[in-house]
């Protein structure tokens, strides 16, 4: 056994051990469907193409096309000091398979999309890591692999509504609440949750005794600064005794807890559901830095961490790079999103970052992972946001006019796995966006405010195109100069500062802002006459979108 480097190593399982050990003889092995000869990665018990169950393992050529790469300059660690190249390689044997890997033995400045590469293995502990290097004699750069479903064809795969009656018509949003938002507040996360929930209940004109449902994302468990303990923790603190509850990460993005609550209310399981989301990432990271919380050190069950792809940034940076390559988008295109969010945050007292920012500031900021710089990335923070979903008839008896739900978009059309999914957009935005517009007669031109997930600037760009505010590949022109997304533009965007400047509240802050705008209570940042708003949540989880409207 080779000495372990210290990098995060994969957890060996019955279905993946062949892959992680195949390098012992210098040959790359991938699962194969024996019925249709497709290569399957990650390994599955059934072929996704022909649904066949006769599966085997094929020794492949070891050659591939460089389908994406990012030079990581920020997230170094044991065994993988920065900088290093995280890449996706499309195998020549079947380009539908893309391996996340590292490209080595070259100058990163010489890398271009379409480069021909070959596998080389590095022993690390009890595994053999398949890395890739450019071949000596390079042909002309190859074309990028194609998406399983082309972005402009996604709408063809949307399933029609099951029935004409919509559950959305039976529910409303009646209360919103937010705790303090800040960096390293050093406050227990459940305390932040309770503050936000109490404020949402009071905002709706309800009492805690009237709350009969709880819904949270991502649920309980040790989530490294991204949760407070879930429904169990909050119920133990408040003693609500709900008739329905829900908590989990495999849902329609962070906003999935709210959509689940809508279904419960429409189904008669509850009248008023309290939905909440808490992050304490800034405090968690500080406690890690000072040794008060120890890292877990466990092996990863994923396929990307062994190559240092430890952040969503590493996937999205490659998707952004391919968008640049295919459509001519530029860093300045992303910069207009960052500048817009900062300009809006200047008017929001609760925003973490409110100092003015220029395009020069954006472009000269330190690189995180190419092409992303510091201001392409959202702001780790501490805070909690709560939203109340009520039955629409009960909502009209409350003191504050309700915000009505027009439609939701939830369908999965693209592949779920981060590195096997859509090439040129954030995965899981195209499907939910297309699904949303089949559940309403409203159109993108009817939207007055858009609160779109911006864990990175590129998330936001992806949602703009997916939701039809411009054509696929046209966001660069749409964003040019930032006028179209300003508060007085065609599409007022992330009016509270978004996650890029207000703080990373994992999508629930966007919903809080949409409700605030549609009520007309956003103060200095209010968009006049806002009646229809769209909210998206995602960030490389399965995504979701919600279309809201005011009652007047």
Protein backbone atom coordinates (compact mmCIF):
# COMPACT_ATOMS: atom_id res chain seq x y z
CA UNK A 1 0.00 0.00 0.00
CA UNK A 2 1.29 3.43 -0.96
CA UNK A 3 1.70 6.14 1.64
CA UNK A 4 -1.43 8.33 1.80
CA UNK A 5 -0.90 11.89 0.61
CA UNK A 6 -3.41 13.46 2.97
CA UNK A 7 -5.87 14.46 0.24
CA UNK A 8 -9.51 13.34 0.80
CA UNK A 9 -9.63 9.72 -0.32
CA UNK A 10 -12.70 7.89 -1.60
CA UNK A 11 -14.76 5.50 0.47
CA UNK A 12 -14.42 2.08 -1.15
CA UNK A 13 -17.74 0.31 -1.72
CA UNK A 14 -18.96 -2.80 -3.51
CA UNK A 15 -19.93 -0.81 -6.60
CA UNK A 16 -16.88 1.45 -6.94
CA UNK A 17 -13.87 -0.56 -5.76
CA UNK A 18 -13.10 -1.73 -9.30
CA UNK A 19 -12.68 1.91 -10.40
CA UNK A 20 -10.44 3.05 -7.57
CA UNK A 21 -8.20 -0.03 -7.75
CA UNK A 22 -7.95 -0.44 -11.54
CA UNK A 23 -4.85 1.70 -11.83
CA UNK A 24 -2.73 -1.01 -10.24
CA UNK A 25 -2.10 -2.38 -13.75
CA UNK A 26 -2.20 1.03 -15.44
CA UNK A 27 -5.56 0.46 -17.15
CA UNK A 28 -8.71 2.53 -16.69
CA UNK A 29 -11.96 0.63 -16.13
CA UNK A 30 -15.51 1.92 -16.43
CA UNK A 31 -18.83 0.15 -15.92
CA UNK A 32 -20.43 -1.02 -19.16
CA UNK A 33 -23.96 -2.01 -20.18
CA UNK A 34 -23.64 -5.36 -21.91
CA UNK A 35 -26.95 -4.82 -23.72
CA UNK A 36 -26.26 -1.48 -25.48
CA UNK A 37 -22.49 -1.07 -24.90
CA UNK A 38 -22.95 2.31 -23.17
CA UNK A 39 -20.45 3.28 -20.51
CA UNK A 40 -22.07 4.11 -17.16
CA UNK A 41 -20.50 6.49 -14.67
CA UNK A 42 -20.96 6.72 -11.77
CA UNK A 43 -21.72 2.97 -11.56
CA UNK A 44 -25.40 2.05 -11.34
CA UNK A 45 -27.39 -1.19 -10.95
CA UNK A 46 -29.18 -0.46 -14.25
CA UNK A 47 -28.33 1.26 -17.54
CA UNK A 48 -29.92 4.72 -17.76
CA UNK A 49 -29.99 4.50 -21.56
CA UNK A 50 -31.63 1.11 -22.30
CA UNK A 51 -32.67 0.18 -18.71
CA UNK A 52 -30.78 -3.07 -19.13
CA UNK A 53 -29.56 -5.01 -16.08
CA UNK A 54 -26.72 -6.94 -17.69
CA UNK A 55 -23.69 -4.94 -16.58
CA UNK A 56 -19.97 -5.47 -16.63
CA UNK A 57 -16.68 -3.61 -16.52
CA UNK A 58 -14.76 -2.52 -19.63
CA UNK A 59 -11.11 -1.65 -19.93
CA UNK A 60 -11.15 1.63 -21.87
CA UNK A 61 -8.48 3.36 -23.91
CA UNK A 62 -7.53 5.91 -21.28
CA UNK A 63 -7.74 8.80 -23.77
CA UNK A 64 -10.16 11.67 -23.50
CA UNK A 65 -10.99 15.27 -24.33
CA UNK A 66 -10.48 18.10 -21.85
CA UNK A 67 -14.11 19.16 -21.49
CA UNK A 68 -13.62 21.67 -18.69
CA UNK A 69 -11.03 22.88 -16.20
CA UNK A 70 -10.53 25.41 -13.46
CA UNK A 71 -7.30 26.48 -11.80
CA UNK A 72 -8.00 26.35 -8.08
CA UNK A 73 -6.10 29.03 -6.17
CA UNK A 74 -8.05 29.18 -2.92
CA UNK A 75 -9.13 25.79 -1.58
CA UNK A 76 -5.78 24.10 -0.91
CA UNK A 77 -5.34 21.38 1.67
CA UNK A 78 -3.23 18.40 2.76
CA UNK A 79 -1.96 16.51 -0.26
CA UNK A 80 -3.33 19.14 -2.63
CA UNK A 81 -1.62 22.49 -2.12
CA UNK A 82 -2.98 25.27 -4.30
CA UNK A 83 -2.77 25.97 -7.14
CA UNK A 84 -3.97 22.83 -8.86
CA UNK A 85 -6.19 22.04 -11.84
CA UNK A 86 -9.61 20.45 -11.36
CA UNK A 87 -10.90 19.18 -14.68
CA UNK A 88 -13.58 17.18 -16.42
CA UNK A 89 -12.43 14.74 -19.08
CA UNK A 90 -14.87 13.26 -21.61
CA UNK A 91 -13.75 9.75 -22.47
CA UNK A 92 -13.11 9.06 -26.15
CA UNK A 93 -14.73 5.63 -25.73
CA UNK A 94 -18.05 7.28 -24.79
CA UNK A 95 -18.03 11.10 -24.41
CA UNK A 96 -21.20 10.95 -22.33
CA UNK A 97 -18.93 9.90 -19.46
CA UNK A 98 -17.04 12.79 -17.87
CA UNK A 99 -14.52 12.06 -15.14
CA UNK A 100 -13.67 14.69 -12.57
CA UNK A 101 -9.90 14.58 -12.21
CA UNK A 102 -6.71 16.61 -12.00
CA UNK A 103 -4.64 17.58 -15.03
CA UNK A 104 -0.93 17.30 -14.27
CA UNK A 105 2.48 17.52 -15.98
CA UNK A 106 1.71 20.78 -17.78
CA UNK A 107 1.56 24.53 -17.36
CA UNK A 108 -2.10 25.41 -16.55
CA UNK A 109 -1.71 28.48 -18.77
CA UNK A 110 -1.32 26.14 -21.76
CA UNK A 111 -4.62 24.34 -21.21
CA UNK A 112 -7.48 24.88 -23.66
CA UNK A 113 -10.82 23.18 -24.04
CA UNK A 114 -10.71 20.30 -26.49
CA UNK A 115 -7.16 19.23 -25.62
CA UNK A 116 -6.46 15.50 -25.99
CA UNK A 117 -5.38 13.93 -22.70
CA UNK A 118 -4.36 10.51 -21.44
CA UNK A 119 -4.75 8.80 -18.11
CA UNK A 120 -1.93 8.26 -15.65
CA UNK A 121 -2.38 6.78 -12.20
CA UNK A 122 -1.08 7.86 -8.82
CA UNK A 123 -1.11 5.45 -5.91
CA UNK A 124 -2.46 7.07 -2.75
CA UNK A 125 -3.06 4.89 0.28
CA UNK A 126 -5.19 1.94 -0.84
CA UNK A 127 -6.48 3.59 -4.03
CA UNK A 128 -5.18 4.50 -7.46
CA UNK A 129 -6.27 7.97 -8.54
CA UNK A 130 -6.83 8.39 -12.31
CA UNK A 131 -5.19 11.67 -13.28
CA UNK A 132 -4.75 13.01 -16.81
CA UNK A 133 -1.99 14.76 -18.76
CA UNK A 134 -1.87 16.24 -22.27
CA UNK A 135 -0.64 13.83 -24.94
CA UNK A 136 2.68 14.72 -26.56
CA UNK A 137 1.40 15.09 -30.12
CA UNK A 138 -1.70 17.28 -30.03
CA UNK A 139 -4.29 17.23 -32.82
CA UNK A 140 -6.50 20.27 -33.36
CA UNK A 141 -8.71 20.86 -30.29
CA UNK A 142 -11.79 18.64 -30.37
CA UNK A 143 -15.34 19.92 -30.09
CA UNK A 144 -16.91 19.85 -26.65
CA UNK A 145 -19.18 16.92 -25.88
CA UNK A 146 -22.88 17.61 -26.30
CA UNK A 147 -25.50 17.71 -23.58
CA UNK A 148 -27.81 14.76 -23.16
CA UNK A 149 -30.61 17.29 -23.73
CA UNK A 150 -29.72 20.57 -25.45
CA UNK A 151 -30.52 23.61 -23.27
CA UNK A 152 -32.96 25.08 -25.81
CA UNK A 153 -34.77 21.73 -26.10
CA UNK A 154 -35.44 21.14 -22.40
CA UNK A 155 -39.02 22.41 -22.66
CA UNK A 156 -39.90 19.47 -24.89
CA UNK A 157 -39.42 17.13 -21.94
CA UNK A 158 -41.72 18.87 -19.47
CA UNK A 159 -44.55 16.67 -18.30
CA UNK A 160 -48.02 18.22 -18.67
CA UNK A 161 -50.08 19.13 -15.62
CA UNK A 162 -51.80 16.13 -14.08
CA UNK A 163 -55.05 18.06 -13.54
CA UNK A 164 -56.35 21.54 -14.27
CA UNK A 165 -56.79 22.47 -10.61
CA UNK A 166 -53.54 23.74 -9.09
CA UNK A 167 -52.51 23.24 -5.49
CA UNK A 168 -50.81 26.66 -5.69
CA UNK A 169 -54.25 28.33 -5.67
CA UNK A 170 -54.96 26.95 -2.22
CA UNK A 171 -51.97 28.44 -0.40
CA UNK A 172 -50.40 31.81 0.39
CA UNK A 173 -47.33 33.21 2.12
CA UNK A 174 -48.42 35.10 5.20
CA UNK A 175 -45.34 35.81 7.29
CA UNK A 176 -41.60 36.30 6.96
CA UNK A 177 -38.92 36.73 9.59
CA UNK A 178 -35.17 37.08 9.66
CA UNK A 179 -32.63 36.96 12.46
CA UNK A 180 -29.58 39.16 12.53
CA UNK A 181 -27.32 38.52 9.51
CA UNK A 182 -23.60 38.84 10.01
CA UNK A 183 -20.08 37.46 9.97
CA UNK A 184 -19.03 35.36 12.97
CA UNK A 185 -21.94 36.32 15.21
CA UNK A 186 -20.84 33.55 17.64
CA UNK A 187 -24.48 32.79 18.46
CA UNK A 188 -25.79 29.20 18.72
CA UNK A 189 -27.57 28.40 15.43
CA UNK A 190 -30.79 27.28 17.08
CA UNK A 191 -31.02 30.67 18.79
CA UNK A 192 -30.91 32.33 15.36
CA UNK A 193 -33.62 29.94 14.16
CA UNK A 194 -35.92 30.76 17.06
CA UNK A 195 -35.50 34.51 16.48
CA UNK A 196 -36.41 34.24 12.79
CA UNK A 197 -39.36 31.94 13.49
CA UNK A 198 -40.80 34.10 16.24
CA UNK A 199 -40.56 37.14 13.96
CA UNK A 200 -42.27 35.33 11.07
CA UNK A 201 -45.12 34.18 13.30
CA UNK A 202 -45.59 37.72 14.65
CA UNK A 203 -45.38 39.14 11.12
CA UNK A 204 -48.25 36.89 10.04
CA UNK A 205 -50.39 37.92 13.01
CA UNK A 206 -50.37 34.38 14.38
CA UNK A 207 -49.29 32.76 17.63
CA UNK A 208 -46.99 29.79 17.98
CA UNK A 209 -49.96 27.73 19.14
CA UNK A 210 -51.58 28.25 15.74
CA UNK A 211 -48.60 26.76 13.89
CA UNK A 212 -49.41 23.15 13.02
CA UNK A 213 -46.62 22.34 10.55
CA UNK A 214 -42.84 22.60 10.43
CA UNK A 215 -40.63 22.34 7.35
CA UNK A 216 -36.88 22.74 7.09
CA UNK A 217 -33.95 22.37 4.73
CA UNK A 218 -31.61 20.47 4.91
CA UNK A 219 -32.91 18.70 8.00
CA UNK A 220 -31.01 17.50 11.04
CA UNK A 221 -27.52 16.12 11.35
CA UNK A 222 -24.01 17.51 11.44
CA UNK A 223 -23.88 19.66 8.33
CA UNK A 224 -20.81 21.75 8.94
CA UNK A 225 -22.37 25.15 9.62
CA UNK A 226 -25.33 24.64 7.28
CA UNK A 227 -28.08 23.74 9.74
CA UNK A 228 -29.38 24.11 13.25
CA UNK A 229 -30.63 20.57 13.93
CA UNK A 230 -33.78 20.61 11.84
CA UNK A 231 -37.37 20.02 12.87
CA UNK A 232 -36.33 17.94 15.88
CA UNK A 233 -34.31 20.77 17.38
CA UNK A 234 -36.94 23.47 16.82
CA UNK A 235 -39.86 21.37 18.08
CA UNK A 236 -37.88 20.50 21.18
CA UNK A 237 -37.25 24.20 21.79
CA UNK A 238 -40.78 25.52 21.10
CA UNK A 239 -43.08 22.57 21.82
CA UNK A 240 -45.28 23.18 18.77
CA UNK A 241 -46.57 19.58 18.32
CA UNK A 242 -47.13 19.82 14.56
CA UNK A 243 -49.63 17.66 12.68
CA UNK A 244 -47.16 17.55 9.76
CA UNK A 245 -43.42 18.03 9.50
CA UNK A 246 -40.73 17.75 6.87
CA UNK A 247 -36.96 18.05 6.68
CA UNK A 248 -34.44 16.91 4.13
CA UNK A 249 -31.88 17.85 1.51
CA UNK A 250 -33.20 15.90 -1.50
CA UNK A 251 -35.78 18.45 -2.49
CA UNK A 252 -36.28 21.39 -4.88
CA UNK A 253 -33.27 23.34 -3.66
CA UNK A 254 -33.35 25.11 -0.29
CA UNK A 255 -36.80 26.49 -1.20
CA UNK A 256 -38.06 22.93 -1.41
CA UNK A 257 -39.13 23.07 2.22
CA UNK A 258 -41.59 25.81 1.27
CA UNK A 259 -42.96 23.91 -1.74
CA UNK A 260 -43.40 20.82 0.44
CA UNK A 261 -45.29 22.96 2.95
CA UNK A 262 -47.60 24.19 0.18
CA UNK A 263 -48.46 20.61 -0.72
CA UNK A 264 -49.17 19.75 2.92
CA UNK A 265 -51.45 22.75 3.35
CA UNK A 266 -53.26 22.11 0.06
CA UNK A 267 -53.69 18.48 1.11
CA UNK A 268 -55.29 19.45 4.42
CA UNK A 269 -52.52 18.21 6.71
CA UNK A 270 -51.88 21.66 8.18
CA UNK A 271 -53.19 25.24 8.13
CA UNK A 272 -50.05 27.22 8.94
CA UNK A 273 -46.60 25.75 8.27
CA UNK A 274 -43.48 27.40 9.61
CA UNK A 275 -40.57 26.94 7.16
CA UNK A 276 -37.06 27.83 8.26
CA UNK A 277 -33.44 27.82 7.10
CA UNK A 278 -30.42 28.56 9.26
CA UNK A 279 -26.74 28.93 8.42
CA UNK A 280 -23.90 29.57 10.84
CA UNK A 281 -21.06 28.95 8.43
CA UNK A 282 -19.03 31.99 9.46
CA UNK A 283 -19.03 31.01 13.13
CA UNK A 284 -18.45 27.34 12.28
CA UNK A 285 -15.39 28.23 10.19
CA UNK A 286 -14.01 30.43 12.97
CA UNK A 287 -14.45 27.61 15.49
CA UNK A 288 -12.72 25.22 13.08
CA UNK A 289 -9.85 27.68 12.67
CA UNK A 290 -9.35 27.99 16.42
CA UNK A 291 -9.65 24.25 17.07
CA UNK A 292 -12.95 24.37 18.96
CA UNK A 293 -14.50 22.12 16.30
CA UNK A 294 -12.43 19.27 14.89
CA UNK A 295 -12.68 18.25 11.22
CA UNK A 296 -14.35 14.90 10.67
CA UNK A 297 -11.54 13.42 8.57
CA UNK A 298 -13.82 10.76 7.15
CA UNK A 299 -13.58 9.42 3.61
CA UNK A 300 -15.80 10.78 0.86
CA UNK A 301 -18.51 8.74 -0.85
CA UNK A 302 -18.45 11.19 -3.77
CA UNK A 303 -16.45 11.07 -6.98
CA UNK A 304 -15.05 14.60 -6.93
CA UNK A 305 -13.50 15.26 -3.52
CA UNK A 306 -10.42 13.04 -4.11
CA UNK A 307 -9.37 15.50 -6.82
CA UNK A 308 -9.83 18.58 -4.67
CA UNK A 309 -13.22 19.47 -6.15
CA UNK A 310 -14.48 20.29 -2.68
CA UNK A 311 -16.67 23.28 -3.52
CA UNK A 312 -19.58 23.92 -5.85
CA UNK A 313 -17.26 26.58 -7.26
CA UNK A 314 -15.15 23.92 -8.94
CA UNK A 315 -18.10 22.59 -10.92
CA UNK A 316 -19.72 25.91 -11.71
CA UNK A 317 -16.43 27.49 -12.75
CA UNK A 318 -16.11 24.86 -15.48
CA UNK A 319 -19.70 25.42 -16.61
CA UNK A 320 -19.00 29.16 -16.74
CA UNK A 321 -15.86 28.52 -18.76
CA UNK A 322 -17.85 26.48 -21.29
CA UNK A 323 -20.51 29.22 -21.46
CA UNK A 324 -17.73 31.69 -22.25
CA UNK A 325 -16.34 29.33 -24.90
CA UNK A 326 -19.65 28.57 -26.59
CA UNK A 327 -21.49 31.89 -26.34
CA UNK A 328 -18.82 34.56 -25.97
CA UNK A 329 -19.75 35.51 -22.41
CA UNK A 330 -17.03 37.35 -20.49
CA UNK A 331 -15.95 37.98 -16.93
CA UNK A 332 -17.44 41.46 -17.29
CA UNK A 333 -20.81 39.81 -17.96
CA UNK A 334 -20.61 38.16 -14.53
CA UNK A 335 -19.25 41.39 -13.09
CA UNK A 336 -22.46 43.28 -13.85
CA UNK A 337 -24.33 40.81 -11.64
CA UNK A 338 -21.91 41.32 -8.75
CA UNK A 339 -22.08 45.10 -9.13
CA UNK A 340 -25.86 45.09 -9.27
CA UNK A 341 -26.14 43.07 -6.06
CA UNK A 342 -23.70 45.38 -4.29
CA UNK A 343 -25.58 48.50 -5.43
CA UNK A 344 -28.80 47.04 -4.01
CA UNK A 345 -27.09 46.01 -0.77
CA UNK A 346 -26.02 49.61 -0.21
CA UNK A 347 -29.72 50.32 0.49
CA UNK A 348 -30.21 47.33 2.80
CA UNK A 349 -29.18 47.83 6.45
CA UNK A 350 -29.03 44.07 7.08
CA UNK A 351 -26.57 43.33 4.25
CA UNK A 352 -23.10 42.09 5.19
CA UNK A 353 -21.29 44.06 2.45
CA UNK A 354 -22.54 47.56 1.63
CA UNK A 355 -19.43 49.39 0.42
CA UNK A 356 -19.59 50.61 -3.20
CA UNK A 357 -17.84 48.42 -5.77
CA UNK A 358 -16.58 49.21 -9.26
CA UNK A 359 -15.91 46.95 -12.24
CA UNK A 360 -12.21 47.50 -11.62
CA UNK A 361 -12.65 46.30 -8.02
CA UNK A 362 -14.43 43.22 -9.32
CA UNK A 363 -11.86 42.36 -12.00
CA UNK A 364 -8.83 42.95 -9.76
CA UNK A 365 -10.08 40.91 -6.81
CA UNK A 366 -8.07 37.81 -5.97
CA UNK A 367 -8.81 34.66 -7.92
CA UNK A 368 -10.68 31.85 -6.18
CA UNK A 369 -10.89 29.26 -8.96
CA UNK A 370 -10.75 30.44 -12.56
CA UNK A 371 -12.71 32.23 -13.92
CA UNK A 372 -14.22 33.11 -10.52
CA UNK A 373 -12.76 35.86 -8.38
CA UNK A 374 -13.67 36.83 -4.84
CA UNK A 375 -16.76 38.84 -5.82
CA UNK A 376 -18.18 36.01 -7.93
CA UNK A 377 -18.73 34.10 -4.69
CA UNK A 378 -21.44 34.62 -2.10
CA UNK A 379 -20.73 35.71 1.47
CA UNK A 380 -20.48 33.05 4.20
CA UNK A 381 -22.49 34.36 7.12
CA UNK A 382 -24.62 33.50 10.13
CA UNK A 383 -28.36 33.98 10.00
CA UNK A 384 -31.80 32.41 9.84
CA UNK A 385 -34.84 33.10 7.68
CA UNK A 386 -38.40 31.86 8.25
CA UNK A 387 -41.48 31.89 6.01
CA UNK A 388 -45.05 30.87 6.84
CA UNK A 389 -47.22 29.03 4.34
CA UNK A 390 -50.93 29.23 5.12
CA UNK A 391 -54.20 28.01 3.65
CA UNK A 392 -55.44 30.81 1.41
CA UNK A 393 -58.81 31.08 3.16
CA UNK A 394 -57.14 31.38 6.56
CA UNK A 395 -54.65 33.87 5.12
CA UNK A 396 -57.36 36.35 4.24
CA UNK A 397 -58.38 36.54 7.92
CA UNK A 398 -54.92 37.72 8.92
CA UNK A 399 -53.95 41.41 9.30
CA UNK A 400 -51.34 41.51 6.49
CA UNK A 401 -52.42 40.97 2.86
CA UNK A 402 -51.14 37.56 1.73
CA UNK A 403 -48.72 36.96 -1.11
CA UNK A 404 -50.27 34.41 -3.46
CA UNK A 405 -48.53 31.52 -5.16
CA UNK A 406 -48.99 31.46 -8.92
CA UNK A 407 -46.86 28.46 -9.89
CA UNK A 408 -43.91 26.28 -8.95
CA UNK A 409 -41.29 24.59 -11.11
CA UNK A 410 -39.87 21.33 -9.81
CA UNK A 411 -39.28 18.83 -12.60
CA UNK A 412 -35.92 17.08 -12.95
CA UNK A 413 -34.99 16.85 -16.64
CA UNK A 414 -31.21 17.17 -16.60
CA UNK A 415 -28.90 14.65 -14.98
CA UNK A 416 -28.53 15.12 -11.25
CA UNK A 417 -24.81 14.36 -10.83
CA UNK A 418 -22.89 17.61 -10.79
CA UNK A 419 -20.16 16.63 -13.23
CA UNK A 420 -22.38 14.63 -15.60
CA UNK A 421 -25.09 17.27 -16.02
CA UNK A 422 -25.63 20.32 -18.21
CA UNK A 423 -22.39 21.61 -19.70
CA UNK A 424 -23.03 25.34 -20.08
CA UNK A 425 -25.45 26.21 -17.26
CA UNK A 426 -25.82 25.49 -13.59
CA UNK A 427 -27.27 21.97 -13.46
CA UNK A 428 -30.93 21.75 -12.47
CA UNK A 429 -32.09 25.21 -13.53
CA UNK A 430 -33.31 24.51 -17.07
CA UNK A 431 -35.79 21.80 -16.07
CA UNK A 432 -37.49 23.56 -13.14
CA UNK A 433 -37.64 26.84 -15.10
CA UNK A 434 -39.32 25.20 -18.10
CA UNK A 435 -41.73 23.40 -15.78
CA UNK A 436 -42.70 26.63 -14.01
CA UNK A 437 -44.07 28.29 -17.15
CA UNK A 438 -46.34 25.32 -17.94
CA UNK A 439 -48.27 25.94 -14.71
CA UNK A 440 -49.29 29.54 -15.38
CA UNK A 441 -50.56 31.82 -18.13
CA UNK A 442 -48.11 34.50 -17.00
CA UNK A 443 -44.95 34.96 -19.02
CA UNK A 444 -41.43 36.24 -18.25
CA UNK A 445 -42.46 39.72 -19.42
CA UNK A 446 -45.00 39.84 -16.55
CA UNK A 447 -42.31 39.54 -13.86
CA UNK A 448 -41.64 42.73 -11.91
CA UNK A 449 -38.87 41.47 -9.60
CA UNK A 450 -36.56 38.46 -9.86
CA UNK A 451 -34.84 37.05 -6.80
CA UNK A 452 -32.56 34.45 -8.37
CA UNK A 453 -30.14 32.14 -6.64
CA UNK A 454 -26.66 33.64 -6.69
CA UNK A 455 -24.36 31.42 -4.71
CA UNK A 456 -22.04 32.48 -7.54
CA UNK A 457 -22.60 35.08 -10.24
CA UNK A 458 -22.89 32.26 -12.75
CA UNK A 459 -25.84 30.71 -10.91
CA UNK A 460 -27.72 33.93 -11.47
CA UNK A 461 -26.78 34.11 -15.15
CA UNK A 462 -28.00 30.53 -15.60
CA UNK A 463 -31.40 31.30 -14.08
CA UNK A 464 -31.81 34.44 -16.20
CA UNK A 465 -31.47 32.36 -19.36
CA UNK A 466 -33.37 29.35 -18.07
CA UNK A 467 -36.39 31.41 -17.06
CA UNK A 468 -36.55 33.03 -20.48
CA UNK A 469 -35.62 36.61 -19.61
CA UNK A 470 -33.27 36.32 -22.58
CA UNK A 471 -32.41 33.51 -24.96
CA UNK A 472 -30.00 30.67 -24.24
CA UNK A 473 -26.50 32.06 -24.69
CA UNK A 474 -27.70 35.69 -24.78
CA UNK A 475 -27.09 36.70 -21.17
CA UNK A 476 -23.83 38.43 -22.05
CA UNK A 477 -25.69 40.95 -24.21
CA UNK A 478 -28.61 41.16 -21.77
CA UNK A 479 -26.30 42.00 -18.85
CA UNK A 480 -24.05 44.41 -20.73
CA UNK A 481 -23.75 47.57 -18.66
CA UNK A 482 -26.09 46.20 -15.95
CA UNK A 483 -29.00 48.47 -16.95
CA UNK A 484 -31.49 45.67 -17.59
CA UNK A 485 -31.10 44.20 -14.08
CA UNK A 486 -31.05 47.45 -12.11
CA UNK A 487 -33.97 48.36 -9.85
CA UNK A 488 -35.34 50.61 -12.61
CA UNK A 489 -34.49 48.16 -15.42
CA UNK A 490 -36.40 45.49 -17.32
CA UNK A 491 -35.70 42.87 -14.66
CA UNK A 492 -34.94 44.25 -11.19
CA UNK A 493 -32.66 41.54 -9.82
CA UNK A 494 -31.87 40.47 -6.26
CA UNK A 495 -33.07 43.73 -4.86
CA UNK A 496 -31.80 43.14 -1.31
CA UNK A 497 -28.22 42.50 -2.42
CA UNK A 498 -28.51 38.79 -3.08
CA UNK A 499 -26.25 36.22 -1.54
CA UNK A 500 -23.27 37.95 -3.14
CA UNK A 501 -23.59 40.98 -0.85
CA UNK A 502 -26.44 40.44 1.60
CA UNK A 503 -25.18 37.03 2.73
CA UNK A 504 -25.41 33.33 1.96
CA UNK A 505 -28.84 32.45 3.36
CA UNK A 506 -29.22 29.56 0.90
CA UNK A 507 -32.12 30.93 -1.07
CA UNK A 508 -34.53 31.69 1.76
CA UNK A 509 -33.32 35.28 1.92
CA UNK A 510 -34.39 35.60 -1.71
CA UNK A 511 -37.90 34.43 -0.83
CA UNK A 512 -38.01 36.83 2.12
CA UNK A 513 -37.12 39.68 -0.24
CA UNK A 514 -39.71 38.66 -2.84
CA UNK A 515 -42.47 38.74 -0.22
CA UNK A 516 -41.20 42.11 1.03
CA UNK A 517 -41.20 43.57 -2.51
CA UNK A 518 -44.68 42.27 -3.34
CA UNK A 519 -46.02 43.75 -0.12
CA UNK A 520 -44.47 47.09 -1.07
CA UNK A 521 -42.51 47.35 2.18
CA UNK A 522 -38.91 47.26 0.95
CA UNK A 523 -38.22 50.92 1.74
CA UNK A 524 -35.44 52.59 -0.24
CA UNK A 525 -34.93 49.52 -2.44
CA UNK A 526 -38.63 49.08 -3.28
CA UNK A 527 -39.44 48.48 -6.95
CA UNK A 528 -42.53 50.64 -7.66
CA UNK A 529 -45.66 48.69 -8.52
CA UNK A 530 -44.12 45.25 -8.02
CA UNK A 531 -46.93 42.70 -8.35
CA UNK A 532 -45.28 39.56 -9.76
CA UNK A 533 -42.02 38.06 -8.53
CA UNK A 534 -40.05 34.94 -9.30
CA UNK A 535 -37.76 33.20 -6.82
CA UNK A 536 -35.32 30.41 -7.60
CA UNK A 537 -33.27 28.18 -5.36
CA UNK A 538 -30.65 25.65 -6.18
CA UNK A 539 -26.92 25.93 -6.18
CA UNK A 540 -26.20 22.49 -7.68
CA UNK A 541 -28.78 20.62 -5.63
CA UNK A 542 -31.94 19.72 -7.50
CA UNK A 543 -33.39 23.17 -8.11
CA UNK A 544 -36.80 24.76 -7.87
CA UNK A 545 -38.59 27.96 -8.77
CA UNK A 546 -41.64 29.76 -7.36
CA UNK A 547 -43.74 32.42 -9.08
CA UNK A 548 -45.53 34.76 -6.66
CA UNK A 549 -48.03 37.58 -7.04
CA UNK A 550 -49.66 40.15 -4.83
CA UNK A 551 -53.40 39.96 -4.27
CA UNK A 552 -54.05 43.50 -5.48
